[in-house]
Amino acid sequence: MTEHDGDRGETTDEFKKLVNLTPKQLQDWLEREESKAAGQHPGGGESTGHASGRRIVELLRTPKSDLSDDDLAHMRKVTGYIKRHLAQRPSGDVTDTTWRHSLMNWGHGPLKDG
């Protein structure tokens, strides 16, 4: 096993741990208005998180052996975002918050058990 293989394993393991929505759950979420409204919309178009969510669906369906270096880089971006965003959890009920909606665009359901 090379150092690159170890990095690949760590990256995919962390991604699978933090991205706790299934491809179908994420795909269904991305169709909702709450999903489309959350996040930064550069140039007024699709939000960064929404575009990332579409890519995450593809990554979740890609066999580990078929992941490219670009895929792994995006997985690291996703895990970094989720960790930073979780650290900023607002107080109180987060059920209907932009904070939760944004996290879900990135594949993490903060209210999901397990």
PDB file of N, CA and C in Angstrom:
ATOM      1  N   MET A   1       0.847  -1.170   0.000  1.00  0.00           N
ATOM      2  CA  MET A   1       0.000   0.000   0.000  1.00  0.00           C
ATOM      3  C   MET A   1       0.896   1.237   0.000  1.00  0.00           C
ATOM      4  N   THR A   2       0.595   2.176  -0.845  1.00  0.00           N
ATOM      5  CA  THR A   2       1.369   3.400  -0.923  1.00  0.00           C
ATOM      6  C   THR A   2       0.776   4.439   0.016  1.00  0.00           C
ATOM      7  N   GLU A   3       1.509   5.542   0.211  1.00  0.00           N
ATOM      8  CA  GLU A   3       1.001   6.633   1.039  1.00  0.00           C
ATOM      9  C   GLU A   3      -0.304   7.168   0.444  1.00  0.00           C
ATOM     10  N   HIS A   4      -0.349   7.227  -0.883  1.00  0.00           N
ATOM     11  CA  HIS A   4      -1.551   7.708  -1.571  1.00  0.00           C
ATOM     12  C   HIS A   4      -2.756   6.812  -1.245  1.00  0.00           C
ATOM     13  N   ASP A   5      -2.513   5.493  -1.181  1.00  0.00           N
ATOM     14  CA  ASP A   5      -3.605   4.563  -0.848  1.00  0.00           C
ATOM     15  C   ASP A   5      -4.121   4.816   0.568  1.00  0.00           C
ATOM     16  N   GLY A   6      -3.205   5.115   1.503  1.00  0.00           N
ATOM     17  CA  GLY A   6      -3.609   5.414   2.872  1.00  0.00           C
ATOM     18  C   GLY A   6      -4.448   6.675   2.933  1.00  0.00           C
ATOM     19  N   ASP A   7      -4.023   7.705   2.194  1.00  0.00           N
ATOM     20  CA  ASP A   7      -4.787   8.947   2.127  1.00  0.00           C
ATOM     21  C   ASP A   7      -6.169   8.687   1.539  1.00  0.00           C
ATOM     22  N   ARG A   8      -6.221   7.861   0.506  1.00  0.00           N
ATOM     23  CA  ARG A   8      -7.495   7.511  -0.141  1.00  0.00           C
ATOM     24  C   ARG A   8      -8.428   6.867   0.880  1.00  0.00           C
ATOM     25  N   GLY A   9      -7.905   5.936   1.651  1.00  0.00           N
ATOM     26  CA  GLY A   9      -8.721   5.246   2.654  1.00  0.00           C
ATOM     27  C   GLY A   9      -9.214   6.183   3.736  1.00  0.00           C
ATOM     28  N   GLU A  10      -8.331   7.048   4.232  1.00  0.00           N
ATOM     29  CA  GLU A  10      -8.728   8.009   5.264  1.00  0.00           C
ATOM     30  C   GLU A  10      -9.790   8.963   4.721  1.00  0.00           C
ATOM     31  N   THR A  11      -9.588   9.428   3.513  1.00  0.00           N
ATOM     32  CA  THR A  11     -10.531  10.368   2.900  1.00  0.00           C
ATOM     33  C   THR A  11     -11.893   9.722   2.726  1.00  0.00           C
ATOM     34  N   THR A  12     -11.931   8.525   2.169  1.00  0.00           N
ATOM     35  CA  THR A  12     -13.223   7.879   1.923  1.00  0.00           C
ATOM     36  C   THR A  12     -13.901   7.477   3.236  1.00  0.00           C
ATOM     37  N   ASP A  13     -13.114   7.047   4.231  1.00  0.00           N
ATOM     38  CA  ASP A  13     -13.704   6.678   5.521  1.00  0.00           C
ATOM     39  C   ASP A  13     -14.345   7.880   6.199  1.00  0.00           C
ATOM     40  N   GLU A  14     -13.631   9.008   6.195  1.00  0.00           N
ATOM     41  CA  GLU A  14     -14.167  10.208   6.829  1.00  0.00           C
ATOM     42  C   GLU A  14     -15.404  10.715   6.080  1.00  0.00           C
ATOM     43  N   PHE A  15     -15.355  10.652   4.763  1.00  0.00           N
ATOM     44  CA  PHE A  15     -16.483  11.061   3.928  1.00  0.00           C
ATOM     45  C   PHE A  15     -17.710  10.216   4.267  1.00  0.00           C
ATOM     46  N   LYS A  16     -17.536   8.893   4.336  1.00  0.00           N
ATOM     47  CA  LYS A  16     -18.666   8.002   4.635  1.00  0.00           C
ATOM     48  C   LYS A  16     -19.208   8.226   6.043  1.00  0.00           C
ATOM     49  N   LYS A  17     -18.336   8.623   6.964  1.00  0.00           N
ATOM     50  CA  LYS A  17     -18.761   8.881   8.340  1.00  0.00           C
ATOM     51  C   LYS A  17     -19.591  10.165   8.428  1.00  0.00           C
ATOM     52  N   LEU A  18     -19.156  11.214   7.739  1.00  0.00           N
ATOM     53  CA  LEU A  18     -19.817  12.514   7.854  1.00  0.00           C
ATOM     54  C   LEU A  18     -20.986  12.694   6.893  1.00  0.00           C
ATOM     55  N   VAL A  19     -20.924  12.087   5.732  1.00  0.00           N
ATOM     56  CA  VAL A  19     -22.038  12.152   4.782  1.00  0.00           C
ATOM     57  C   VAL A  19     -22.991  11.024   5.166  1.00  0.00           C
ATOM     58  N   ASN A  20     -24.023  11.389   5.928  1.00  0.00           N
ATOM     59  CA  ASN A  20     -24.897  10.355   6.489  1.00  0.00           C
ATOM     60  C   ASN A  20     -26.235  10.230   5.762  1.00  0.00           C
ATOM     61  N   LEU A  21     -26.387  10.927   4.638  1.00  0.00           N
ATOM     62  CA  LEU A  21     -27.580  10.750   3.813  1.00  0.00           C
ATOM     63  C   LEU A  21     -27.264   9.758   2.699  1.00  0.00           C
ATOM     64  N   THR A  22     -28.234   8.946   2.341  1.00  0.00           N
ATOM     65  CA  THR A  22     -28.053   8.023   1.221  1.00  0.00           C
ATOM     66  C   THR A  22     -28.140   8.829  -0.076  1.00  0.00           C
ATOM     67  N   PRO A  23     -27.668   8.256  -1.180  1.00  0.00           N
ATOM     68  CA  PRO A  23     -27.812   8.982  -2.448  1.00  0.00           C
ATOM     69  C   PRO A  23     -29.263   9.374  -2.729  1.00  0.00           C
ATOM     70  N   LYS A  24     -30.210   8.483  -2.461  1.00  0.00           N
ATOM     71  CA  LYS A  24     -31.624   8.784  -2.714  1.00  0.00           C
ATOM     72  C   LYS A  24     -32.128   9.887  -1.791  1.00  0.00           C
ATOM     73  N   GLN A  25     -31.784   9.803  -0.508  1.00  0.00           N
ATOM     74  CA  GLN A  25     -32.210  10.844   0.434  1.00  0.00           C
ATOM     75  C   GLN A  25     -31.677  12.209  -0.003  1.00  0.00           C
ATOM     76  N   LEU A  26     -30.405  12.250  -0.384  1.00  0.00           N
ATOM     77  CA  LEU A  26     -29.808  13.517  -0.796  1.00  0.00           C
ATOM     78  C   LEU A  26     -30.434  14.012  -2.096  1.00  0.00           C
ATOM     79  N   GLN A  27     -30.620  13.128  -3.038  1.00  0.00           N
ATOM     80  CA  GLN A  27     -31.224  13.505  -4.316  1.00  0.00           C
ATOM     81  C   GLN A  27     -32.642  14.058  -4.093  1.00  0.00           C
ATOM     82  N   ASP A  28     -33.411  13.389  -3.251  1.00  0.00           N
ATOM     83  CA  ASP A  28     -34.768  13.865  -2.942  1.00  0.00           C
ATOM     84  C   ASP A  28     -34.720  15.231  -2.249  1.00  0.00           C
ATOM     85  N   TRP A  29     -33.791  15.402  -1.312  1.00  0.00           N
ATOM     86  CA  TRP A  29     -33.647  16.678  -0.606  1.00  0.00           C
ATOM     87  C   TRP A  29     -33.316  17.810  -1.586  1.00  0.00           C
ATOM     88  N   LEU A  30     -32.423  17.550  -2.527  1.00  0.00           N
ATOM     89  CA  LEU A  30     -31.983  18.583  -3.467  1.00  0.00           C
ATOM     90  C   LEU A  30     -33.122  19.103  -4.352  1.00  0.00           C
ATOM     91  N   GLU A  31     -34.214  18.350  -4.436  1.00  0.00           N
ATOM     92  CA  GLU A  31     -35.380  18.780  -5.222  1.00  0.00           C
ATOM     93  C   GLU A  31     -36.268  19.755  -4.454  1.00  0.00           C
ATOM     94  N   ARG A  32     -36.083  19.852  -3.148  1.00  0.00           N
ATOM     95  CA  ARG A  32     -36.961  20.690  -2.318  1.00  0.00           C
ATOM     96  C   ARG A  32     -36.557  22.156  -2.380  1.00  0.00           C
ATOM     97  N   GLU A  33     -37.527  23.030  -2.212  1.00  0.00           N
ATOM     98  CA  GLU A  33     -37.278  24.479  -2.249  1.00  0.00           C
ATOM     99  C   GLU A  33     -36.318  24.923  -1.147  1.00  0.00           C
ATOM    100  N   GLU A  34     -36.422  24.298   0.036  1.00  0.00           N
ATOM    101  CA  GLU A  34     -35.527  24.659   1.147  1.00  0.00           C
ATOM    102  C   GLU A  34     -34.071  24.419   0.768  1.00  0.00           C
ATOM    103  N   SER A  35     -33.838  23.360   0.016  1.00  0.00           N
ATOM    104  CA  SER A  35     -32.494  23.044  -0.439  1.00  0.00           C
ATOM    105  C   SER A  35     -31.992  24.087  -1.425  1.00  0.00           C
ATOM    106  N   LYS A  36     -32.845  24.426  -2.365  1.00  0.00           N
ATOM    107  CA  LYS A  36     -32.453  25.373  -3.419  1.00  0.00           C
ATOM    108  C   LYS A  36     -32.219  26.780  -2.867  1.00  0.00           C
ATOM    109  N   ALA A  37     -32.903  27.132  -1.769  1.00  0.00           N
ATOM    110  CA  ALA A  37     -32.784  28.471  -1.197  1.00  0.00           C
ATOM    111  C   ALA A  37     -31.564  28.635  -0.289  1.00  0.00           C
ATOM    112  N   ALA A  38     -31.046  27.534   0.255  1.00  0.00           N
ATOM    113  CA  ALA A  38     -29.945  27.616   1.224  1.00  0.00           C
ATOM    114  C   ALA A  38     -28.602  27.879   0.546  1.00  0.00           C
ATOM    115  N   GLY A  39     -27.746  28.574   1.265  1.00  0.00           N
ATOM    116  CA  GLY A  39     -26.362  28.744   0.824  1.00  0.00           C
ATOM    117  C   GLY A  39     -26.114  29.981  -0.011  1.00  0.00           C
ATOM    118  N   GLN A  40     -24.855  30.103  -0.441  1.00  0.00           N
ATOM    119  CA  GLN A  40     -24.430  31.243  -1.259  1.00  0.00           C
ATOM    120  C   GLN A  40     -24.722  30.939  -2.720  1.00  0.00           C
ATOM    121  N   HIS A  41     -25.285  31.920  -3.401  1.00  0.00           N
ATOM    122  CA  HIS A  41     -25.662  31.771  -4.810  1.00  0.00           C
ATOM    123  C   HIS A  41     -24.804  32.703  -5.664  1.00  0.00           C
ATOM    124  N   PRO A  42     -23.602  32.244  -6.052  1.00  0.00           N
ATOM    125  CA  PRO A  42     -22.741  33.111  -6.855  1.00  0.00           C
ATOM    126  C   PRO A  42     -23.407  33.463  -8.186  1.00  0.00           C
ATOM    127  N   GLY A  43     -23.484  34.744  -8.472  1.00  0.00           N
ATOM    128  CA  GLY A  43     -24.082  35.184  -9.722  1.00  0.00           C
ATOM    129  C   GLY A  43     -25.578  34.940  -9.798  1.00  0.00           C
ATOM    130  N   GLY A  44     -26.203  34.631  -8.657  1.00  0.00           N
ATOM    131  CA  GLY A  44     -27.642  34.418  -8.639  1.00  0.00           C
ATOM    132  C   GLY A  44     -28.081  33.043  -9.105  1.00  0.00           C
ATOM    133  N   GLY A  45     -27.146  32.168  -9.427  1.00  0.00           N
ATOM    134  CA  GLY A  45     -27.487  30.828  -9.905  1.00  0.00           C
ATOM    135  C   GLY A  45     -27.599  29.832  -8.769  1.00  0.00           C
ATOM    136  N   GLU A  46     -27.249  28.603  -9.076  1.00  0.00           N
ATOM    137  CA  GLU A  46     -27.302  27.520  -8.098  1.00  0.00           C
ATOM    138  C   GLU A  46     -26.294  27.771  -6.981  1.00  0.00           C
ATOM    139  N   SER A  47     -26.676  27.457  -5.748  1.00  0.00           N
ATOM    140  CA  SER A  47     -25.761  27.650  -4.625  1.00  0.00           C
ATOM    141  C   SER A  47     -24.603  26.665  -4.710  1.00  0.00           C
ATOM    142  N   THR A  48     -23.510  27.053  -4.073  1.00  0.00           N
ATOM    143  CA  THR A  48     -22.318  26.208  -4.030  1.00  0.00           C
ATOM    144  C   THR A  48     -22.640  24.856  -3.398  1.00  0.00           C
ATOM    145  N   GLY A  49     -23.381  24.880  -2.283  1.00  0.00           N
ATOM    146  CA  GLY A  49     -23.729  23.644  -1.593  1.00  0.00           C
ATOM    147  C   GLY A  49     -24.659  22.754  -2.400  1.00  0.00           C
ATOM    148  N   HIS A  50     -25.586  23.359  -3.127  1.00  0.00           N
ATOM    149  CA  HIS A  50     -26.519  22.578  -3.941  1.00  0.00           C
ATOM    150  C   HIS A  50     -25.754  21.862  -5.058  1.00  0.00           C
ATOM    151  N   ALA A  51     -24.844  22.567  -5.701  1.00  0.00           N
ATOM    152  CA  ALA A  51     -24.019  21.950  -6.754  1.00  0.00           C
ATOM    153  C   ALA A  51     -23.159  20.844  -6.159  1.00  0.00           C
ATOM    154  N   SER A  52     -22.617  21.096  -4.964  1.00  0.00           N
ATOM    155  CA  SER A  52     -21.813  20.072  -4.299  1.00  0.00           C
ATOM    156  C   SER A  52     -22.669  18.848  -3.993  1.00  0.00           C
ATOM    157  N   GLY A  53     -23.908  19.069  -3.567  1.00  0.00           N
ATOM    158  CA  GLY A  53     -24.806  17.956  -3.261  1.00  0.00           C
ATOM    159  C   GLY A  53     -25.027  17.053  -4.460  1.00  0.00           C
ATOM    160  N   ARG A  54     -25.180  17.657  -5.638  1.00  0.00           N
ATOM    161  CA  ARG A  54     -25.359  16.837  -6.843  1.00  0.00           C
ATOM    162  C   ARG A  54     -24.115  15.989  -7.088  1.00  0.00           C
ATOM    163  N   ARG A  55     -22.946  16.563  -6.850  1.00  0.00           N
ATOM    164  CA  ARG A  55     -21.708  15.801  -7.036  1.00  0.00           C
ATOM    165  C   ARG A  55     -21.568  14.721  -5.960  1.00  0.00           C
ATOM    166  N   ILE A  56     -21.987  15.017  -4.751  1.00  0.00           N
ATOM    167  CA  ILE A  56     -21.921  14.033  -3.663  1.00  0.00           C
ATOM    168  C   ILE A  56     -22.760  12.807  -4.005  1.00  0.00           C
ATOM    169  N   VAL A  57     -23.935  13.015  -4.591  1.00  0.00           N
ATOM    170  CA  VAL A  57     -24.772  11.885  -5.019  1.00  0.00           C
ATOM    171  C   VAL A  57     -23.958  10.981  -5.952  1.00  0.00           C
ATOM    172  N   GLU A  58     -23.268  11.573  -6.905  1.00  0.00           N
ATOM    173  CA  GLU A  58     -22.440  10.789  -7.834  1.00  0.00           C
ATOM    174  C   GLU A  58     -21.314  10.069  -7.096  1.00  0.00           C
ATOM    175  N   LEU A  59     -20.652  10.771  -6.165  1.00  0.00           N
ATOM    176  CA  LEU A  59     -19.548  10.165  -5.418  1.00  0.00           C
ATOM    177  C   LEU A  59     -20.016   8.982  -4.585  1.00  0.00           C
ATOM    178  N   LEU A  60     -21.195   9.109  -3.978  1.00  0.00           N
ATOM    179  CA  LEU A  60     -21.729   8.016  -3.169  1.00  0.00           C
ATOM    180  C   LEU A  60     -22.014   6.780  -4.012  1.00  0.00           C
ATOM    181  N   ARG A  61     -22.262   6.973  -5.280  1.00  0.00           N
ATOM    182  CA  ARG A  61     -22.574   5.856  -6.182  1.00  0.00           C
ATOM    183  C   ARG A  61     -21.343   5.339  -6.921  1.00  0.00           C
ATOM    184  N   THR A  62     -20.192   5.945  -6.708  1.00  0.00           N
ATOM    185  CA  THR A  62     -18.963   5.552  -7.400  1.00  0.00           C
ATOM    186  C   THR A  62     -18.182   4.553  -6.548  1.00  0.00           C
ATOM    187  N   PRO A  63     -17.793   3.415  -7.116  1.00  0.00           N
ATOM    188  CA  PRO A  63     -16.956   2.483  -6.360  1.00  0.00           C
ATOM    189  C   PRO A  63     -15.647   3.164  -5.940  1.00  0.00           C
ATOM    190  N   LYS A  64     -15.183   2.840  -4.742  1.00  0.00           N
ATOM    191  CA  LYS A  64     -13.958   3.440  -4.195  1.00  0.00           C
ATOM    192  C   LYS A  64     -12.792   3.334  -5.178  1.00  0.00           C
ATOM    193  N   SER A  65     -12.687   2.209  -5.848  1.00  0.00           N
ATOM    194  CA  SER A  65     -11.565   1.994  -6.780  1.00  0.00           C
ATOM    195  C   SER A  65     -11.639   2.889  -8.012  1.00  0.00           C
ATOM    196  N   ASP A  66     -12.812   3.452  -8.293  1.00  0.00           N
ATOM    197  CA  ASP A  66     -12.993   4.308  -9.479  1.00  0.00           C
ATOM    198  C   ASP A  66     -12.884   5.798  -9.168  1.00  0.00           C
ATOM    199  N   LEU A  67     -12.646   6.149  -7.907  1.00  0.00           N
ATOM    200  CA  LEU A  67     -12.561   7.561  -7.536  1.00  0.00           C
ATOM    201  C   LEU A  67     -11.274   8.184  -8.057  1.00  0.00           C
ATOM    202  N   SER A  68     -11.398   9.343  -8.676  1.00  0.00           N
ATOM    203  CA  SER A  68     -10.230  10.062  -9.201  1.00  0.00           C
ATOM    204  C   SER A  68      -9.636  10.951  -8.106  1.00  0.00           C
ATOM    205  N   ASP A  69      -8.463  11.499  -8.383  1.00  0.00           N
ATOM    206  CA  ASP A  69      -7.856  12.442  -7.441  1.00  0.00           C
ATOM    207  C   ASP A  69      -8.762  13.657  -7.252  1.00  0.00           C
ATOM    208  N   ASP A  70      -9.427  14.086  -8.311  1.00  0.00           N
ATOM    209  CA  ASP A  70     -10.357  15.211  -8.225  1.00  0.00           C
ATOM    210  C   ASP A  70     -11.555  14.852  -7.332  1.00  0.00           C
ATOM    211  N   ASP A  71     -12.034  13.623  -7.443  1.00  0.00           N
ATOM    212  CA  ASP A  71     -13.128  13.161  -6.579  1.00  0.00           C
ATOM    213  C   ASP A  71     -12.692  13.194  -5.111  1.00  0.00           C
ATOM    214  N   LEU A  72     -11.495  12.699  -4.848  1.00  0.00           N
ATOM    215  CA  LEU A  72     -10.987  12.676  -3.471  1.00  0.00           C
ATOM    216  C   LEU A  72     -10.816  14.095  -2.936  1.00  0.00           C
ATOM    217  N   ALA A  73     -10.374  15.007  -3.779  1.00  0.00           N
ATOM    218  CA  ALA A  73     -10.233  16.408  -3.353  1.00  0.00           C
ATOM    219  C   ALA A  73     -11.598  16.983  -2.986  1.00  0.00           C
ATOM    220  N   HIS A  74     -12.630  16.650  -3.774  1.00  0.00           N
ATOM    221  CA  HIS A  74     -13.964  17.149  -3.448  1.00  0.00           C
ATOM    222  C   HIS A  74     -14.470  16.510  -2.152  1.00  0.00           C
ATOM    223  N   MET A  75     -14.161  15.249  -1.941  1.00  0.00           N
ATOM    224  CA  MET A  75     -14.562  14.581  -0.702  1.00  0.00           C
ATOM    225  C   MET A  75     -13.922  15.277   0.500  1.00  0.00           C
ATOM    226  N   ARG A  76     -12.651  15.672   0.378  1.00  0.00           N
ATOM    227  CA  ARG A  76     -11.989  16.394   1.469  1.00  0.00           C
ATOM    228  C   ARG A  76     -12.647  17.760   1.687  1.00  0.00           C
ATOM    229  N   LYS A  77     -13.037  18.423   0.619  1.00  0.00           N
ATOM    230  CA  LYS A  77     -13.736  19.710   0.713  1.00  0.00           C
ATOM    231  C   LYS A  77     -15.056  19.527   1.463  1.00  0.00           C
ATOM    232  N   VAL A  78     -15.775  18.465   1.138  1.00  0.00           N
ATOM    233  CA  VAL A  78     -17.065  18.176   1.767  1.00  0.00           C
ATOM    234  C   VAL A  78     -16.886  17.924   3.262  1.00  0.00           C
ATOM    235  N   THR A  79     -15.934  17.081   3.628  1.00  0.00           N
ATOM    236  CA  THR A  79     -15.748  16.765   5.049  1.00  0.00           C
ATOM    237  C   THR A  79     -15.289  18.002   5.823  1.00  0.00           C
ATOM    238  N   GLY A  80     -14.446  18.819   5.210  1.00  0.00           N
ATOM    239  CA  GLY A  80     -14.009  20.052   5.867  1.00  0.00           C
ATOM    240  C   GLY A  80     -15.184  20.984   6.110  1.00  0.00           C
ATOM    241  N   TYR A  81     -16.045  21.125   5.101  1.00  0.00           N
ATOM    242  CA  TYR A  81     -17.217  21.991   5.237  1.00  0.00           C
ATOM    243  C   TYR A  81     -18.133  21.481   6.349  1.00  0.00           C
ATOM    244  N   ILE A  82     -18.417  20.192   6.338  1.00  0.00           N
ATOM    245  CA  ILE A  82     -19.326  19.624   7.345  1.00  0.00           C
ATOM    246  C   ILE A  82     -18.770  19.855   8.750  1.00  0.00           C
ATOM    247  N   LYS A  83     -17.487  19.598   8.951  1.00  0.00           N
ATOM    248  CA  LYS A  83     -16.887  19.789  10.277  1.00  0.00           C
ATOM    249  C   LYS A  83     -16.982  21.250  10.726  1.00  0.00           C
ATOM    250  N   ARG A  84     -16.645  22.171   9.833  1.00  0.00           N
ATOM    251  CA  ARG A  84     -16.704  23.600  10.185  1.00  0.00           C
ATOM    252  C   ARG A  84     -18.140  24.018  10.500  1.00  0.00           C
ATOM    253  N   HIS A  85     -19.071  23.559   9.691  1.00  0.00           N
ATOM    254  CA  HIS A  85     -20.470  23.947   9.861  1.00  0.00           C
ATOM    255  C   HIS A  85     -21.059  23.350  11.140  1.00  0.00           C
ATOM    256  N   LEU A  86     -20.711  22.115  11.462  1.00  0.00           N
ATOM    257  CA  LEU A  86     -21.205  21.498  12.700  1.00  0.00           C
ATOM    258  C   LEU A  86     -20.724  22.279  13.924  1.00  0.00           C
ATOM    259  N   ALA A  87     -19.517  22.830  13.853  1.00  0.00           N
ATOM    260  CA  ALA A  87     -18.967  23.604  14.966  1.00  0.00           C
ATOM    261  C   ALA A  87     -19.713  24.920  15.167  1.00  0.00           C
ATOM    262  N   GLN A  88     -20.510  25.330  14.191  1.00  0.00           N
ATOM    263  CA  GLN A  88     -21.251  26.592  14.262  1.00  0.00           C
ATOM    264  C   GLN A  88     -22.736  26.371  14.552  1.00  0.00           C
ATOM    265  N   ARG A  89     -23.066  25.222  15.111  1.00  0.00           N
ATOM    266  CA  ARG A  89     -24.478  24.895  15.359  1.00  0.00           C
ATOM    267  C   ARG A  89     -25.151  25.982  16.205  1.00  0.00           C
ATOM    268  N   PRO A  90     -26.272  26.505  15.730  1.00  0.00           N
ATOM    269  CA  PRO A  90     -26.989  27.515  16.521  1.00  0.00           C
ATOM    270  C   PRO A  90     -27.712  26.857  17.696  1.00  0.00           C
ATOM    271  N   SER A  91     -28.040  27.655  18.686  1.00  0.00           N
ATOM    272  CA  SER A  91     -28.768  27.109  19.832  1.00  0.00           C
ATOM    273  C   SER A  91     -30.241  26.933  19.469  1.00  0.00           C
ATOM    274  N   GLY A  92     -30.893  26.116  20.239  1.00  0.00           N
ATOM    275  CA  GLY A  92     -32.330  25.908  20.043  1.00  0.00           C
ATOM    276  C   GLY A  92     -32.635  24.860  18.981  1.00  0.00           C
ATOM    277  N   ASP A  93     -33.887  24.857  18.576  1.00  0.00           N
ATOM    278  CA  ASP A  93     -34.383  23.900  17.591  1.00  0.00           C
ATOM    279  C   ASP A  93     -33.852  24.282  16.203  1.00  0.00           C
ATOM    280  N   VAL A  94     -33.121  23.362  15.578  1.00  0.00           N
ATOM    281  CA  VAL A  94     -32.510  23.650  14.272  1.00  0.00           C
ATOM    282  C   VAL A  94     -33.282  23.014  13.114  1.00  0.00           C
ATOM    283  N   THR A  95     -34.454  22.455  13.402  1.00  0.00           N
ATOM    284  CA  THR A  95     -35.209  21.718  12.392  1.00  0.00           C
ATOM    285  C   THR A  95     -35.430  22.502  11.108  1.00  0.00           C
ATOM    286  N   ASP A  96     -35.889  23.731  11.240  1.00  0.00           N
ATOM    287  CA  ASP A  96     -36.219  24.521  10.046  1.00  0.00           C
ATOM    288  C   ASP A  96     -35.286  25.727   9.932  1.00  0.00           C
ATOM    289  N   THR A  97     -33.974  25.453   9.902  1.00  0.00           N
ATOM    290  CA  THR A  97     -32.989  26.536   9.830  1.00  0.00           C
ATOM    291  C   THR A  97     -32.154  26.417   8.553  1.00  0.00           C
ATOM    292  N   THR A  98     -31.668  27.541   8.110  1.00  0.00           N
ATOM    293  CA  THR A  98     -30.762  27.544   6.962  1.00  0.00           C
ATOM    294  C   THR A  98     -29.507  26.738   7.292  1.00  0.00           C
ATOM    295  N   TRP A  99     -29.081  26.765   8.553  1.00  0.00           N
ATOM    296  CA  TRP A  99     -27.905  25.999   8.987  1.00  0.00           C
ATOM    297  C   TRP A  99     -28.093  24.518   8.655  1.00  0.00           C
ATOM    298  N   ARG A 100     -29.232  23.956   9.048  1.00  0.00           N
ATOM    299  CA  ARG A 100     -29.520  22.538   8.777  1.00  0.00           C
ATOM    300  C   ARG A 100     -29.669  22.300   7.277  1.00  0.00           C
ATOM    301  N   HIS A 101     -30.390  23.171   6.596  1.00  0.00           N
ATOM    302  CA  HIS A 101     -30.621  22.994   5.159  1.00  0.00           C
ATOM    303  C   HIS A 101     -29.300  23.009   4.393  1.00  0.00           C
ATOM    304  N   SER A 102     -28.402  23.893   4.785  1.00  0.00           N
ATOM    305  CA  SER A 102     -27.103  23.964   4.125  1.00  0.00           C
ATOM    306  C   SER A 102     -26.305  22.676   4.355  1.00  0.00           C
ATOM    307  N   LEU A 103     -26.294  22.202   5.585  1.00  0.00           N
ATOM    308  CA  LEU A 103     -25.590  20.942   5.878  1.00  0.00           C
ATOM    309  C   LEU A 103     -26.165  19.791   5.061  1.00  0.00           C
ATOM    310  N   MET A 104     -27.472  19.765   4.933  1.00  0.00           N
ATOM    311  CA  MET A 104     -28.095  18.681   4.175  1.00  0.00           C
ATOM    312  C   MET A 104     -27.708  18.754   2.700  1.00  0.00           C
ATOM    313  N   ASN A 105     -27.526  19.960   2.168  1.00  0.00           N
ATOM    314  CA  ASN A 105     -27.053  20.086   0.785  1.00  0.00           C
ATOM    315  C   ASN A 105     -25.683  19.433   0.614  1.00  0.00           C
ATOM    316  N   TRP A 106     -24.904  19.426   1.683  1.00  0.00           N
ATOM    317  CA  TRP A 106     -23.566  18.833   1.652  1.00  0.00           C
ATOM    318  C   TRP A 106     -23.593  17.368   2.112  1.00  0.00           C
ATOM    319  N   GLY A 107     -24.799  16.779   2.248  1.00  0.00           N
ATOM    320  CA  GLY A 107     -24.929  15.353   2.513  1.00  0.00           C
ATOM    321  C   GLY A 107     -25.000  14.951   3.967  1.00  0.00           C
ATOM    322  N   HIS A 108     -25.089  15.922   4.871  1.00  0.00           N
ATOM    323  CA  HIS A 108     -25.142  15.605   6.297  1.00  0.00           C
ATOM    324  C   HIS A 108     -26.469  16.047   6.903  1.00  0.00           C
ATOM    325  N   GLY A 109     -27.203  15.078   7.419  1.00  0.00           N
ATOM    326  CA  GLY A 109     -28.450  15.376   8.131  1.00  0.00           C
ATOM    327  C   GLY A 109     -28.168  15.449   9.612  1.00  0.00           C
ATOM    328  N   PRO A 110     -28.071  16.669  10.192  1.00  0.00           N
ATOM    329  CA  PRO A 110     -27.690  16.785  11.595  1.00  0.00           C
ATOM    330  C   PRO A 110     -28.722  16.230  12.576  1.00  0.00           C
ATOM    331  N   LEU A 111     -29.931  16.002  12.126  1.00  0.00           N
ATOM    332  CA  LEU A 111     -30.960  15.444  13.008  1.00  0.00           C
ATOM    333  C   LEU A 111     -31.138  13.949  12.805  1.00  0.00           C
ATOM    334  N   LYS A 112     -30.365  13.378  11.886  1.00  0.00           N
ATOM    335  CA  LYS A 112     -30.487  11.951  11.569  1.00  0.00           C
ATOM    336  C   LYS A 112     -29.777  11.128  12.643  1.00  0.00           C
ATOM    337  N   ASP A 113     -30.450  10.108  13.124  1.00  0.00           N
ATOM    338  CA  ASP A 113     -29.847   9.217  14.126  1.00  0.00           C
ATOM    339  C   ASP A 113     -28.728   8.410  13.493  1.00  0.00           C
ATOM    340  N   GLY A 114     -27.684   8.155  14.302  1.00  0.00           N
ATOM    341  CA  GLY A 114     -26.590   7.313  13.843  1.00  0.00           C
ATOM    342  C   GLY A 114     -25.688   8.061  12.936  1.00  0.00           C
TER     343      GLY A 114
END
